[in-house]
N, C-alpha and C. Protein backbone atom coordinates (compact mmCIF):
# COMPACT_ATOMS: atom_id res chain seq x y z
N MET A 1 100.72 89.29 105.40
CA MET A 1 99.21 90.57 104.99
C MET A 1 98.97 91.38 104.37
N VAL A 2 100.08 91.60 104.07
CA VAL A 2 99.97 92.42 102.47
C VAL A 2 99.08 91.72 101.07
N ARG A 3 99.45 90.73 101.43
CA ARG A 3 98.96 89.35 100.01
C ARG A 3 98.21 88.80 100.14
N SER A 4 97.37 89.36 102.03
CA SER A 4 95.83 88.43 101.49
C SER A 4 94.64 89.55 101.78
N LEU A 5 95.33 91.06 101.87
CA LEU A 5 93.69 92.46 101.34
C LEU A 5 92.68 91.51 100.21
N LYS A 6 92.09 92.61 99.99
CA LYS A 6 90.95 91.69 98.73
C LYS A 6 91.59 92.98 97.72
N THR A 7 92.53 94.23 98.32
CA THR A 7 92.70 94.94 97.51
C THR A 7 94.23 94.22 96.54
N PHE A 8 95.31 93.59 97.39
CA PHE A 8 95.85 93.24 96.26
C PHE A 8 96.12 92.74 95.42
N PRO A 9 95.46 92.28 94.58
CA PRO A 9 95.00 92.31 92.76
C PRO A 9 95.20 93.26 92.38
N LEU A 10 95.42 94.49 92.93
CA LEU A 10 95.36 96.04 92.07
C LEU A 10 96.88 95.56 91.69
N LEU A 11 97.55 95.38 93.32
CA LEU A 11 99.35 95.50 92.94
C LEU A 11 100.11 94.26 92.24
N ASN A 12 99.27 93.41 91.81
CA ASN A 12 99.56 92.53 91.01
C ASN A 12 99.50 92.04 89.55
N ARG A 13 99.67 92.78 88.57
CA ARG A 13 99.41 92.62 87.78
C ARG A 13 98.03 92.97 86.67
N PHE A 14 97.07 93.67 87.62
CA PHE A 14 95.47 94.08 87.21
C PHE A 14 95.10 94.37 85.95
N ARG A 15 94.56 93.56 85.20
CA ARG A 15 93.52 94.03 83.41
C ARG A 15 94.94 94.00 83.14
N GLY A 16 96.32 93.14 83.35
CA GLY A 16 97.13 93.80 82.29
C GLY A 16 97.97 95.05 82.20
N GLY A 17 97.87 95.89 83.16
CA GLY A 17 98.36 96.76 84.15
C GLY A 17 99.95 96.49 85.01
N PRO A 18 100.71 96.87 84.73
CA PRO A 18 102.33 97.08 85.52
C PRO A 18 101.87 96.02 87.08
N ALA A 19 103.15 95.24 88.01
CA ALA A 19 103.54 94.74 89.06
C ALA A 19 103.95 95.60 89.88
N TYR A 20 102.93 96.49 91.16
CA TYR A 20 103.87 97.22 91.55
C TYR A 20 104.54 96.46 92.70
N ASP A 21 105.82 97.27 93.12
CA ASP A 21 106.66 97.08 94.17
C ASP A 21 106.32 96.42 95.70
N VAL A 22 105.62 95.73 95.35
CA VAL A 22 104.74 95.14 96.35
C VAL A 22 106.31 94.88 97.93
N PRO A 23 107.23 94.96 97.62
CA PRO A 23 108.04 94.40 98.84
C PRO A 23 108.67 95.52 99.49
N ALA A 24 108.77 96.30 98.72
CA ALA A 24 109.12 98.14 98.92
C ALA A 24 107.70 98.91 100.20
N LEU A 25 106.29 98.05 99.67
CA LEU A 25 105.55 98.40 100.36
C LEU A 25 105.43 97.73 101.88
N GLU A 26 105.71 96.19 101.86
CA GLU A 26 106.26 95.72 102.96
C GLU A 26 107.49 96.21 104.38
N ASP A 27 108.55 96.80 103.23
CA ASP A 27 109.83 96.78 104.04
C ASP A 27 109.13 98.64 104.38
N ALA A 28 108.90 99.44 104.05
CA ALA A 28 108.39 100.53 104.83
C ALA A 28 107.41 100.42 105.56
N LEU A 29 106.27 99.54 105.27
CA LEU A 29 105.52 99.43 106.58
C LEU A 29 106.06 98.92 108.15
N LEU A 30 106.22 97.72 107.41
CA LEU A 30 107.87 97.11 108.76
C LEU A 30 108.76 98.27 109.46
N ARG A 31 109.23 99.28 108.75
CA ARG A 31 109.65 100.16 109.92
C ARG A 31 109.27 101.42 109.83
N VAL A 32 107.82 102.18 109.58
CA VAL A 32 107.15 102.69 110.19
C VAL A 32 106.59 102.09 111.34
N SER A 33 106.56 100.31 111.57
CA SER A 33 106.30 99.73 112.78
C SER A 33 107.21 99.73 113.83
N ALA A 34 107.83 99.77 113.14
CA ALA A 34 109.68 99.66 113.99
C ALA A 34 109.76 100.94 114.57
N MET A 35 109.72 102.20 113.98
CA MET A 35 109.62 104.10 114.35
C MET A 35 108.65 103.75 115.77
N VAL A 36 107.56 103.88 115.31
CA VAL A 36 106.85 103.45 116.90
C VAL A 36 106.25 102.87 118.00
N GLU A 37 107.50 101.80 118.01
CA GLU A 37 107.64 100.49 118.29
C GLU A 37 108.75 101.03 119.51
N ASP A 38 109.76 101.79 118.57
CA ASP A 38 110.55 102.52 119.59
C ASP A 38 110.56 103.83 119.92
N LEU A 39 109.59 104.86 119.86
CA LEU A 39 108.68 106.32 119.97
C LEU A 39 107.53 106.21 120.81
N PRO A 40 107.89 105.51 122.28
CA PRO A 40 106.56 105.82 122.71
C PRO A 40 105.06 106.88 122.72
N GLN A 41 106.60 107.93 122.15
CA GLN A 41 105.56 109.13 122.70
C GLN A 41 104.94 110.12 120.84
N ILE A 42 104.96 108.95 119.97
CA ILE A 42 104.00 109.02 118.86
C ILE A 42 102.70 108.45 119.17
N ALA A 43 101.89 109.67 119.54
CA ALA A 43 100.58 109.36 119.73
C ALA A 43 99.60 108.54 118.94
N GLU A 44 99.49 109.19 117.27
CA GLU A 44 98.87 109.38 116.17
C GLU A 44 99.61 109.58 115.31
N LEU A 45 99.75 108.79 114.28
CA LEU A 45 100.49 108.42 112.75
C LEU A 45 99.22 108.93 111.85
N ASP A 46 99.61 110.02 110.65
CA ASP A 46 98.59 109.69 109.95
C ASP A 46 99.39 109.98 108.75
N LEU A 47 99.10 108.27 106.99
CA LEU A 47 100.26 108.69 106.39
C LEU A 47 99.57 108.37 105.42
N ASN A 48 99.17 109.68 104.47
CA ASN A 48 98.31 110.00 103.32
C ASN A 48 98.43 110.27 102.56
N PRO A 49 98.86 109.93 101.34
CA PRO A 49 99.06 108.91 100.53
C PRO A 49 100.47 108.27 100.77
N PHE A 50 99.95 107.12 100.18
CA PHE A 50 100.94 106.38 100.62
C PHE A 50 100.73 105.36 99.63
N VAL A 51 101.85 105.83 98.65
CA VAL A 51 102.27 105.70 96.98
C VAL A 51 103.37 104.39 97.02
N VAL A 52 102.52 103.15 96.30
CA VAL A 52 104.00 102.23 95.60
C VAL A 52 103.85 102.13 94.48
N GLN A 53 105.18 102.44 93.63
CA GLN A 53 105.34 102.66 92.20
C GLN A 53 105.40 101.41 91.65
N GLU A 54 105.91 101.33 90.71
CA GLU A 54 106.58 99.78 89.77
C GLU A 54 108.33 99.38 90.91
N SER A 55 108.51 100.53 91.44
CA SER A 55 110.35 100.39 91.81
C SER A 55 110.43 101.61 93.26
N GLY A 56 109.46 100.89 93.88
CA GLY A 56 109.62 102.34 95.02
C GLY A 56 108.29 102.27 95.55
N ALA A 57 107.92 102.62 96.94
CA ALA A 57 107.16 103.00 97.14
C ALA A 57 107.10 104.11 98.49
N VAL A 58 106.24 105.39 99.09
CA VAL A 58 106.64 106.44 99.45
C VAL A 58 105.60 107.33 100.09
N ILE A 59 105.86 107.99 100.96
CA ILE A 59 104.46 108.71 101.58
C ILE A 59 104.32 109.74 101.03
N LEU A 60 103.35 110.62 100.89
CA LEU A 60 104.31 112.17 100.24
C LEU A 60 103.21 112.82 101.25
N ASP A 61 102.48 112.55 102.45
CA ASP A 61 101.98 113.46 102.93
C ASP A 61 102.04 112.93 104.64
N ALA A 62 102.92 113.68 105.56
CA ALA A 62 102.42 112.15 106.74
C ALA A 62 102.12 113.54 108.17
N ARG A 63 101.42 113.25 108.96
CA ARG A 63 100.92 114.28 109.67
C ARG A 63 101.34 113.22 111.65
N VAL A 64 102.00 113.86 112.72
CA VAL A 64 102.00 112.74 113.73
C VAL A 64 101.87 113.85 114.53
N ARG A 65 101.06 113.10 115.35
CA ARG A 65 101.11 113.95 116.94
C ARG A 65 101.32 112.87 118.21
N ILE A 66 102.42 113.69 118.86
CA ILE A 66 103.41 113.20 120.24
C ILE A 66 102.47 113.73 121.21
N GLU A 67 103.28 113.18 122.50
CA GLU A 67 102.76 113.04 123.94
C GLU A 67 103.89 113.12 124.99
N ALA A 68 104.08 113.49 125.85
CA ALA A 68 104.95 113.30 126.36
C ALA A 68 104.72 112.13 127.49
N VAL A 69 105.73 111.40 127.34
CA VAL A 69 105.39 110.06 128.04
C VAL A 69 106.04 109.96 129.58
N GLN A 70 106.01 109.48 130.35
CA GLN A 70 106.75 109.04 131.86
C GLN A 70 106.99 108.30 131.42
N PRO A 71 109.00 107.85 131.59
CA PRO A 71 109.57 107.14 132.12
C PRO A 71 108.84 106.16 133.33
N LYS A 72 109.31 104.71 132.57
CA LYS A 72 109.22 103.80 132.70
C LYS A 72 109.67 103.30 133.74
N PRO A 73 109.66 102.70 135.88
CA PRO A 73 110.38 102.84 137.02
C PRO A 73 111.40 101.94 136.62
N LEU A 74 113.23 101.93 137.07
CA LEU A 74 113.79 101.38 136.54
C LEU A 74 113.25 99.98 137.71
N LEU A 75 113.79 98.75 137.04
CA LEU A 75 113.90 97.43 137.80
C LEU A 75 114.67 98.00 139.08
N GLY A 76 114.50 97.59 139.90
CA GLY A 76 114.89 97.12 141.23
C GLY A 76 115.09 98.65 142.39
N VAL A 77 114.58 99.24 141.55
CA VAL A 77 115.80 100.97 142.20
C VAL A 77 114.08 101.11 143.64
N ARG A 78 114.88 101.31 144.96
CA ARG A 78 113.37 101.50 145.83
C ARG A 78 113.56 102.66 146.23
N ARG A 79 112.42 103.65 145.94
CA ARG A 79 111.43 104.76 146.67
C ARG A 79 111.65 104.92 148.39
């Protein structure tokens, strides 16, 4: 998915520049996705800026809004 972005060439030796750590970016995106899946109380997540470096990637600022979540009913339980 990252490689299909129009801006991907900026991460890959654009105009003789360095190649940035795309695997670190992909890993971080997958980890954020897993966190949101595991924690349904996360209602909003803003990660900005997300800096990709020659070695590694880092999120410099994050804002998270959470909401109370009603637990799902247990399967097979009669009420």
